[in-house]
């Protein structure tokens, strides 16, 4: 608020001119101070408005990039055109410019990427994922799960040596169509437990060779059914050096 200044001196009122002049010049410095203060506040507001506009533009750019989330950077290949965002090293990144080969520019290393907001589970009471989340082997603590499911690798009929990759799912189904060798790959690191549930149809119809690292319950591989379904369970705590194996159940 600018304080009120006394009226300007009136030369046509010589009897009061001096008094009016004294009052005017007495009020003037204070008014100038108030005007400068108001001008400063207006500049602050203008700067804030400019910043808000810049923030809004940035938020809009990020929102568009987030809407075009591609998943983990390590899974991307070929050209990438903005808007485009990925997950890498447990952080979300927005592409600033188009790339002919996205694999040649790494988020967090190259300037073509900008880190964008993190997924705040603590403050968001009802978040919904729009794509797969790669936790990159990070720990999830004190979680209460509801309506969950396991990814199943349905291999169908297999007639050749088969590597079961735990990164593709811990539950596997198959039908044995010829003699073959099983191998297990990509278990978790030592100190963490990895498991595999293997549902085999017609397991004894042909010879199955199991990994040498399997230590069977009872000391030897179970006798499977030539016509029927057997379910085997394996787990390891030492990155696959030893797998404990047991037949869970069988069904005709």
C-alpha atoms as a PDB file:
ATOM      1  CA  UNK A   1       0.000   0.000   0.000  1.00  0.00           C
ATOM      2  CA  UNK A   2       1.264   3.438  -0.958  1.00  0.00           C
ATOM      3  CA  UNK A   3       0.622   6.035   1.683  1.00  0.00           C
ATOM      4  CA  UNK A   4      -1.413   9.146   0.795  1.00  0.00           C
ATOM      5  CA  UNK A   5       0.531  12.287  -0.204  1.00  0.00           C
ATOM      6  CA  UNK A   6      -0.733  15.699   0.742  1.00  0.00           C
ATOM      7  CA  UNK A   7      -2.099  17.717  -2.141  1.00  0.00           C
ATOM      8  CA  UNK A   8       0.349  19.558  -4.386  1.00  0.00           C
ATOM      9  CA  UNK A   9       1.099  23.159  -3.401  1.00  0.00           C
ATOM     10  CA  UNK A  10      -1.224  25.685  -5.073  1.00  0.00           C
ATOM     11  CA  UNK A  11       0.489  28.889  -6.274  1.00  0.00           C
ATOM     12  CA  UNK A  12      -2.930  30.502  -6.520  1.00  0.00           C
ATOM     13  CA  UNK A  13      -3.198  30.178  -2.745  1.00  0.00           C
ATOM     14  CA  UNK A  14      -0.118  32.160  -1.612  1.00  0.00           C
ATOM     15  CA  UNK A  15      -1.281  32.282   2.001  1.00  0.00           C
ATOM     16  CA  UNK A  16      -1.086  28.470   2.322  1.00  0.00           C
ATOM     17  CA  UNK A  17       1.541  27.690  -0.333  1.00  0.00           C
ATOM     18  CA  UNK A  18       4.431  27.312   2.117  1.00  0.00           C
ATOM     19  CA  UNK A  19       2.465  25.049   4.448  1.00  0.00           C
ATOM     20  CA  UNK A  20       1.238  22.963   1.518  1.00  0.00           C
ATOM     21  CA  UNK A  21       4.808  22.661   0.214  1.00  0.00           C
ATOM     22  CA  UNK A  22       6.126  21.575   3.589  1.00  0.00           C
ATOM     23  CA  UNK A  23       3.393  18.901   3.914  1.00  0.00           C
ATOM     24  CA  UNK A  24       3.943  17.660   0.353  1.00  0.00           C
ATOM     25  CA  UNK A  25       7.703  17.266   0.622  1.00  0.00           C
ATOM     26  CA  UNK A  26       7.352  15.736   4.068  1.00  0.00           C
ATOM     27  CA  UNK A  27       5.084  12.995   2.678  1.00  0.00           C
ATOM     28  CA  UNK A  28       7.043  12.467  -0.560  1.00  0.00           C
ATOM     29  CA  UNK A  29      10.005  10.331   0.729  1.00  0.00           C
ATOM     30  CA  UNK A  30       7.686   7.885   2.452  1.00  0.00           C
ATOM     31  CA  UNK A  31       5.521   7.587  -0.642  1.00  0.00           C
ATOM     32  CA  UNK A  32       8.591   6.934  -2.807  1.00  0.00           C
ATOM     33  CA  UNK A  33       9.641   4.175  -0.400  1.00  0.00           C
ATOM     34  CA  UNK A  34       6.172   2.634  -0.634  1.00  0.00           C
ATOM     35  CA  UNK A  35       6.184   2.857  -4.451  1.00  0.00           C
ATOM     36  CA  UNK A  36       9.568   1.157  -4.621  1.00  0.00           C
ATOM     37  CA  UNK A  37       8.339  -1.587  -2.286  1.00  0.00           C
ATOM     38  CA  UNK A  38       5.237  -2.172  -4.419  1.00  0.00           C
ATOM     39  CA  UNK A  39       7.379  -2.235  -7.555  1.00  0.00           C
ATOM     40  CA  UNK A  40       9.627  -4.845  -5.917  1.00  0.00           C
ATOM     41  CA  UNK A  41       6.618  -6.973  -4.994  1.00  0.00           C
ATOM     42  CA  UNK A  42       5.327  -6.721  -8.570  1.00  0.00           C
ATOM     43  CA  UNK A  43       8.707  -7.842  -9.894  1.00  0.00           C
ATOM     44  CA  UNK A  44       8.670 -10.790  -7.489  1.00  0.00           C
ATOM     45  CA  UNK A  45       5.169 -11.761  -8.622  1.00  0.00           C
ATOM     46  CA  UNK A  46       6.184 -11.410 -12.279  1.00  0.00           C
ATOM     47  CA  UNK A  47       9.223 -13.627 -11.687  1.00  0.00           C
ATOM     48  CA  UNK A  48       7.053 -16.185  -9.906  1.00  0.00           C
ATOM     49  CA  UNK A  49       4.569 -16.176 -12.783  1.00  0.00           C
ATOM     50  CA  UNK A  50       7.388 -16.704 -15.269  1.00  0.00           C
ATOM     51  CA  UNK A  51       8.726 -19.578 -13.158  1.00  0.00           C
ATOM     52  CA  UNK A  52       5.250 -21.110 -12.858  1.00  0.00           C
ATOM     53  CA  UNK A  53       4.876 -20.912 -16.628  1.00  0.00           C
ATOM     54  CA  UNK A  54       8.267 -22.566 -17.107  1.00  0.00           C
ATOM     55  CA  UNK A  55       7.372 -25.245 -14.557  1.00  0.00           C
ATOM     56  CA  UNK A  56       4.058 -25.868 -16.302  1.00  0.00           C
ATOM     57  CA  UNK A  57       5.788 -26.209 -19.650  1.00  0.00           C
ATOM     58  CA  UNK A  58       8.343 -28.594 -18.139  1.00  0.00           C
ATOM     59  CA  UNK A  59       5.600 -30.604 -16.431  1.00  0.00           C
ATOM     60  CA  UNK A  60       3.737 -30.836 -19.723  1.00  0.00           C
ATOM     61  CA  UNK A  61       6.852 -32.108 -21.489  1.00  0.00           C
ATOM     62  CA  UNK A  62       7.491 -34.667 -18.735  1.00  0.00           C
ATOM     63  CA  UNK A  63       3.856 -35.795 -18.748  1.00  0.00           C
ATOM     64  CA  UNK A  64       3.949 -36.408 -22.491  1.00  0.00           C
ATOM     65  CA  UNK A  65       7.237 -38.310 -22.160  1.00  0.00           C
ATOM     66  CA  UNK A  66       5.867 -40.356 -19.237  1.00  0.00           C
ATOM     67  CA  UNK A  67       2.808 -41.234 -21.308  1.00  0.00           C
ATOM     68  CA  UNK A  68       5.240 -42.722 -23.840  1.00  0.00           C
ATOM     69  CA  UNK A  69       7.093 -44.902 -21.309  1.00  0.00           C
ATOM     70  CA  UNK A  70       8.999 -47.668 -23.088  1.00  0.00           C
ATOM     71  CA  UNK A  71      10.138 -49.815 -20.144  1.00  0.00           C
ATOM     72  CA  UNK A  72      13.747 -50.588 -19.250  1.00  0.00           C
ATOM     73  CA  UNK A  73      16.415 -48.851 -21.354  1.00  0.00           C
ATOM     74  CA  UNK A  74      18.384 -52.104 -21.528  1.00  0.00           C
ATOM     75  CA  UNK A  75      15.527 -53.665 -23.510  1.00  0.00           C
ATOM     76  CA  UNK A  76      15.364 -50.894 -26.131  1.00  0.00           C
ATOM     77  CA  UNK A  77      16.823 -51.130 -29.627  1.00  0.00           C
ATOM     78  CA  UNK A  78      16.895 -49.029 -32.769  1.00  0.00           C
ATOM     79  CA  UNK A  79      15.766 -45.437 -33.233  1.00  0.00           C
ATOM     80  CA  UNK A  80      13.995 -43.417 -30.544  1.00  0.00           C
ATOM     81  CA  UNK A  81      11.857 -40.338 -31.168  1.00  0.00           C
ATOM     82  CA  UNK A  82      10.606 -37.936 -28.515  1.00  0.00           C
ATOM     83  CA  UNK A  83       8.409 -38.025 -26.504  1.00  0.00           C
ATOM     84  CA  UNK A  84      10.126 -41.064 -24.993  1.00  0.00           C
ATOM     85  CA  UNK A  85      10.963 -42.198 -21.462  1.00  0.00           C
ATOM     86  CA  UNK A  86      12.616 -45.256 -19.914  1.00  0.00           C
ATOM     87  CA  UNK A  87      13.641 -46.820 -16.618  1.00  0.00           C
ATOM     88  CA  UNK A  88      17.375 -47.227 -15.986  1.00  0.00           C
ATOM     89  CA  UNK A  89      19.393 -47.751 -12.815  1.00  0.00           C
ATOM     90  CA  UNK A  90      16.137 -47.549 -10.785  1.00  0.00           C
ATOM     91  CA  UNK A  91      15.433 -44.045 -12.124  1.00  0.00           C
ATOM     92  CA  UNK A  92      13.108 -42.661 -14.778  1.00  0.00           C
ATOM     93  CA  UNK A  93      14.610 -40.757 -17.717  1.00  0.00           C
ATOM     94  CA  UNK A  94      13.183 -38.554 -20.462  1.00  0.00           C
ATOM     95  CA  UNK A  95      14.800 -38.327 -23.877  1.00  0.00           C
ATOM     96  CA  UNK A  96      15.637 -34.746 -24.895  1.00  0.00           C
ATOM     97  CA  UNK A  97      16.240 -35.359 -28.591  1.00  0.00           C
ATOM     98  CA  UNK A  98      15.663 -38.091 -31.122  1.00  0.00           C
ATOM     99  CA  UNK A  99      18.288 -40.823 -31.442  1.00  0.00           C
ATOM    100  CA  UNK A 100      19.186 -42.981 -34.417  1.00  0.00           C
ATOM    101  CA  UNK A 101      20.273 -45.757 -32.034  1.00  0.00           C
ATOM    102  CA  UNK A 102      19.008 -45.566 -28.460  1.00  0.00           C
ATOM    103  CA  UNK A 103      21.563 -48.141 -27.279  1.00  0.00           C
ATOM    104  CA  UNK A 104      24.445 -45.717 -27.907  1.00  0.00           C
ATOM    105  CA  UNK A 105      23.279 -43.106 -25.379  1.00  0.00           C
ATOM    106  CA  UNK A 106      22.927 -44.265 -21.786  1.00  0.00           C
ATOM    107  CA  UNK A 107      20.607 -42.499 -19.305  1.00  0.00           C
ATOM    108  CA  UNK A 108      22.601 -40.938 -16.486  1.00  0.00           C
ATOM    109  CA  UNK A 109      25.733 -40.886 -18.609  1.00  0.00           C
ATOM    110  CA  UNK A 110      24.855 -38.999 -21.787  1.00  0.00           C
ATOM    111  CA  UNK A 111      23.323 -35.512 -21.981  1.00  0.00           C
ATOM    112  CA  UNK A 112      20.552 -36.681 -24.297  1.00  0.00           C
ATOM    113  CA  UNK A 113      18.652 -37.863 -21.205  1.00  0.00           C
ATOM    114  CA  UNK A 114      17.109 -35.950 -18.288  1.00  0.00           C
ATOM    115  CA  UNK A 115      16.000 -37.612 -15.071  1.00  0.00           C
ATOM    116  CA  UNK A 116      12.329 -37.052 -14.352  1.00  0.00           C
ATOM    117  CA  UNK A 117      10.192 -37.391 -11.243  1.00  0.00           C
ATOM    118  CA  UNK A 118      10.311 -40.548  -9.191  1.00  0.00           C
ATOM    119  CA  UNK A 119       7.306 -42.764  -8.516  1.00  0.00           C
ATOM    120  CA  UNK A 120       6.315 -41.709  -4.983  1.00  0.00           C
ATOM    121  CA  UNK A 121       4.497 -44.663  -3.443  1.00  0.00           C
ATOM    122  CA  UNK A 122       4.471 -43.074   0.008  1.00  0.00           C
ATOM    123  CA  UNK A 123       2.429 -39.994  -0.892  1.00  0.00           C
ATOM    124  CA  UNK A 124       0.312 -41.534  -3.657  1.00  0.00           C
ATOM    125  CA  UNK A 125      -2.369 -43.627  -1.985  1.00  0.00           C
ATOM    126  CA  UNK A 126      -3.588 -45.262  -5.184  1.00  0.00           C
ATOM    127  CA  UNK A 127      -0.906 -45.380  -7.889  1.00  0.00           C
ATOM    128  CA  UNK A 128      -1.514 -47.328 -11.080  1.00  0.00           C
ATOM    129  CA  UNK A 129       1.317 -48.578 -13.249  1.00  0.00           C
ATOM    130  CA  UNK A 130       1.040 -47.962 -16.959  1.00  0.00           C
ATOM    131  CA  UNK A 131       3.832 -50.388 -17.827  1.00  0.00           C
ATOM    132  CA  UNK A 132       6.031 -53.077 -16.337  1.00  0.00           C
ATOM    133  CA  UNK A 133       8.298 -51.998 -13.471  1.00  0.00           C
ATOM    134  CA  UNK A 134      11.839 -53.313 -13.287  1.00  0.00           C
ATOM    135  CA  UNK A 135      12.968 -53.169  -9.653  1.00  0.00           C
ATOM    136  CA  UNK A 136      16.538 -54.054 -10.694  1.00  0.00           C
ATOM    137  CA  UNK A 137      16.967 -56.540  -7.823  1.00  0.00           C
ATOM    138  CA  UNK A 138      16.097 -53.904  -5.223  1.00  0.00           C
ATOM    139  CA  UNK A 139      14.379 -54.921  -1.992  1.00  0.00           C
ATOM    140  CA  UNK A 140      10.638 -54.447  -1.426  1.00  0.00           C
ATOM    141  CA  UNK A 141       9.899 -54.351   2.303  1.00  0.00           C
ATOM    142  CA  UNK A 142       6.782 -54.882   4.416  1.00  0.00           C
ATOM    143  CA  UNK A 143       4.531 -55.405   1.406  1.00  0.00           C
ATOM    144  CA  UNK A 144       0.950 -56.648   1.680  1.00  0.00           C
ATOM    145  CA  UNK A 145       0.084 -58.456  -1.537  1.00  0.00           C
ATOM    146  CA  UNK A 146      -3.416 -58.929  -2.886  1.00  0.00           C
ATOM    147  CA  UNK A 147      -4.685 -60.511  -6.101  1.00  0.00           C
ATOM    148  CA  UNK A 148      -1.211 -61.479  -7.321  1.00  0.00           C
ATOM    149  CA  UNK A 149      -0.153 -63.948 -10.002  1.00  0.00           C
ATOM    150  CA  UNK A 150       2.985 -65.744 -11.189  1.00  0.00           C
ATOM    151  CA  UNK A 151       4.271 -65.531 -14.744  1.00  0.00           C
ATOM    152  CA  UNK A 152       4.144 -69.002 -16.304  1.00  0.00           C
ATOM    153  CA  UNK A 153       6.492 -70.150 -19.039  1.00  0.00           C
ATOM    154  CA  UNK A 154       4.384 -72.477 -21.154  1.00  0.00           C
ATOM    155  CA  UNK A 155       7.011 -74.283 -23.249  1.00  0.00           C
ATOM    156  CA  UNK A 156       4.566 -76.647 -24.906  1.00  0.00           C
ATOM    157  CA  UNK A 157       5.987 -79.868 -26.350  1.00  0.00           C
ATOM    158  CA  UNK A 158       9.789 -79.891 -26.207  1.00  0.00           C
ATOM    159  CA  UNK A 159      11.994 -82.334 -28.110  1.00  0.00           C
ATOM    160  CA  UNK A 160      15.495 -80.901 -27.661  1.00  0.00           C
ATOM    161  CA  UNK A 161      17.813 -79.742 -24.905  1.00  0.00           C
ATOM    162  CA  UNK A 162      16.094 -76.944 -22.998  1.00  0.00           C
ATOM    163  CA  UNK A 163      17.465 -74.123 -20.837  1.00  0.00           C
ATOM    164  CA  UNK A 164      14.926 -72.834 -18.335  1.00  0.00           C
ATOM    165  CA  UNK A 165      15.582 -69.151 -17.675  1.00  0.00           C
ATOM    166  CA  UNK A 166      14.284 -68.022 -14.278  1.00  0.00           C
ATOM    167  CA  UNK A 167      14.220 -64.407 -15.463  1.00  0.00           C
ATOM    168  CA  UNK A 168      11.364 -65.401 -17.771  1.00  0.00           C
ATOM    169  CA  UNK A 169       9.256 -66.858 -14.969  1.00  0.00           C
ATOM    170  CA  UNK A 170       9.536 -69.225 -12.014  1.00  0.00           C
ATOM    171  CA  UNK A 171       6.692 -71.527 -13.049  1.00  0.00           C
ATOM    172  CA  UNK A 172       7.239 -73.680 -16.139  1.00  0.00           C
ATOM    173  CA  UNK A 173       5.009 -76.172 -17.926  1.00  0.00           C
ATOM    174  CA  UNK A 174       6.063 -78.566 -20.685  1.00  0.00           C
ATOM    175  CA  UNK A 175       5.357 -81.861 -22.384  1.00  0.00           C
ATOM    176  CA  UNK A 176       8.292 -84.156 -23.094  1.00  0.00           C
ATOM    177  CA  UNK A 177       8.479 -85.119 -26.773  1.00  0.00           C
ATOM    178  CA  UNK A 178      11.979 -86.617 -26.977  1.00  0.00           C
ATOM    179  CA  UNK A 179      15.043 -87.400 -24.895  1.00  0.00           C
ATOM    180  CA  UNK A 180      16.600 -84.155 -23.696  1.00  0.00           C
ATOM    181  CA  UNK A 181      18.792 -82.338 -21.181  1.00  0.00           C
ATOM    182  CA  UNK A 182      17.446 -79.642 -18.843  1.00  0.00           C
ATOM    183  CA  UNK A 183      19.581 -76.732 -17.625  1.00  0.00           C
ATOM    184  CA  UNK A 184      18.581 -73.898 -15.286  1.00  0.00           C
ATOM    185  CA  UNK A 185      19.850 -70.352 -15.847  1.00  0.00           C
ATOM    186  CA  UNK A 186      19.788 -66.919 -14.217  1.00  0.00           C
ATOM    187  CA  UNK A 187      19.067 -67.807 -10.582  1.00  0.00           C
ATOM    188  CA  UNK A 188      19.414 -64.969  -8.046  1.00  0.00           C
ATOM    189  CA  UNK A 189      22.772 -64.196  -6.465  1.00  0.00           C
ATOM    190  CA  UNK A 190      24.206 -66.145  -3.566  1.00  0.00           C
ATOM    191  CA  UNK A 191      22.433 -65.322  -0.315  1.00  0.00           C
ATOM    192  CA  UNK A 192      19.062 -65.003  -2.041  1.00  0.00           C
ATOM    193  CA  UNK A 193      16.667 -67.863  -2.677  1.00  0.00           C
ATOM    194  CA  UNK A 194      15.515 -68.705  -6.174  1.00  0.00           C
ATOM    195  CA  UNK A 195      12.921 -71.344  -6.951  1.00  0.00           C
ATOM    196  CA  UNK A 196      11.446 -73.176  -9.912  1.00  0.00           C
ATOM    197  CA  UNK A 197       8.148 -75.049 -10.170  1.00  0.00           C
ATOM    198  CA  UNK A 198       8.264 -77.416 -13.135  1.00  0.00           C
ATOM    199  CA  UNK A 199       5.089 -79.137 -14.305  1.00  0.00           C
ATOM    200  CA  UNK A 200       5.998 -81.973 -16.670  1.00  0.00           C
ATOM    201  CA  UNK A 201       3.595 -83.980 -18.780  1.00  0.00           C
ATOM    202  CA  UNK A 202       4.710 -87.477 -19.878  1.00  0.00           C
ATOM    203  CA  UNK A 203       8.035 -87.074 -18.096  1.00  0.00           C
ATOM    204  CA  UNK A 204       8.986 -90.770 -18.322  1.00  0.00           C
ATOM    205  CA  UNK A 205       8.055 -91.165 -21.981  1.00  0.00           C
ATOM    206  CA  UNK A 206      11.667 -90.283 -22.848  1.00  0.00           C
ATOM    207  CA  UNK A 207      14.934 -89.971 -20.948  1.00  0.00           C
ATOM    208  CA  UNK A 208      15.438 -86.677 -19.109  1.00  0.00           C
ATOM    209  CA  UNK A 209      18.915 -85.639 -17.989  1.00  0.00           C
ATOM    210  CA  UNK A 210      18.844 -83.226 -15.070  1.00  0.00           C
ATOM    211  CA  UNK A 211      21.505 -80.641 -14.157  1.00  0.00           C
ATOM    212  CA  UNK A 212      24.352 -82.143 -12.152  1.00  0.00           C
ATOM    213  CA  UNK A 213      23.816 -79.431  -9.536  1.00  0.00           C
ATOM    214  CA  UNK A 214      20.444 -80.920  -8.496  1.00  0.00           C
ATOM    215  CA  UNK A 215      20.453 -82.618  -5.101  1.00  0.00           C
ATOM    216  CA  UNK A 216      17.306 -84.753  -5.036  1.00  0.00           C
ATOM    217  CA  UNK A 217      15.167 -85.564  -2.062  1.00  0.00           C
ATOM    218  CA  UNK A 218      15.964 -89.172  -1.242  1.00  0.00           C
ATOM    219  CA  UNK A 219      19.232 -89.063  -3.175  1.00  0.00           C
ATOM    220  CA  UNK A 220      17.998 -89.729  -6.716  1.00  0.00           C
ATOM    221  CA  UNK A 221      15.686 -88.278  -9.316  1.00  0.00           C
ATOM    222  CA  UNK A 222      12.057 -89.355  -8.907  1.00  0.00           C
ATOM    223  CA  UNK A 223      10.405 -91.751 -11.331  1.00  0.00           C
ATOM    224  CA  UNK A 224       8.009 -89.720 -13.416  1.00  0.00           C
ATOM    225  CA  UNK A 225       4.940 -90.848 -15.321  1.00  0.00           C
ATOM    226  CA  UNK A 226       5.062 -91.887 -18.958  1.00  0.00           C
ATOM    227  CA  UNK A 227       1.488 -90.663 -19.306  1.00  0.00           C
ATOM    228  CA  UNK A 228       0.455 -88.068 -16.769  1.00  0.00           C
ATOM    229  CA  UNK A 229       1.525 -84.896 -15.020  1.00  0.00           C
ATOM    230  CA  UNK A 230       4.277 -84.564 -12.399  1.00  0.00           C
ATOM    231  CA  UNK A 231       5.146 -81.354 -10.570  1.00  0.00           C
ATOM    232  CA  UNK A 232       8.721 -80.842  -9.419  1.00  0.00           C
ATOM    233  CA  UNK A 233       9.978 -78.080  -7.142  1.00  0.00           C
ATOM    234  CA  UNK A 234      13.580 -76.809  -7.062  1.00  0.00           C
ATOM    235  CA  UNK A 235      15.282 -74.096  -5.040  1.00  0.00           C
ATOM    236  CA  UNK A 236      18.790 -72.681  -4.684  1.00  0.00           C
ATOM    237  CA  UNK A 237      20.455 -70.355  -2.186  1.00  0.00           C
ATOM    238  CA  UNK A 238      23.895 -70.230  -3.780  1.00  0.00           C
ATOM    239  CA  UNK A 239      23.269 -68.901  -7.305  1.00  0.00           C
ATOM    240  CA  UNK A 240      22.666 -72.374  -8.732  1.00  0.00           C
ATOM    241  CA  UNK A 241      25.733 -74.160  -7.379  1.00  0.00           C
ATOM    242  CA  UNK A 242      23.272 -76.509  -5.685  1.00  0.00           C
ATOM    243  CA  UNK A 243      19.606 -76.989  -6.509  1.00  0.00           C
ATOM    244  CA  UNK A 244      17.412 -78.879  -4.024  1.00  0.00           C
ATOM    245  CA  UNK A 245      14.818 -80.897  -5.918  1.00  0.00           C
ATOM    246  CA  UNK A 246      11.674 -82.758  -4.893  1.00  0.00           C
ATOM    247  CA  UNK A 247       8.572 -84.103  -6.594  1.00  0.00           C
ATOM    248  CA  UNK A 248       5.603 -82.261  -5.186  1.00  0.00           C
ATOM    249  CA  UNK A 249       2.729 -84.343  -6.582  1.00  0.00           C
ATOM    250  CA  UNK A 250       1.593 -86.337  -9.553  1.00  0.00           C
ATOM    251  CA  UNK A 251      -1.673 -86.563 -11.437  1.00  0.00           C
ATOM    252  CA  UNK A 252      -2.873 -88.901 -14.107  1.00  0.00           C
END
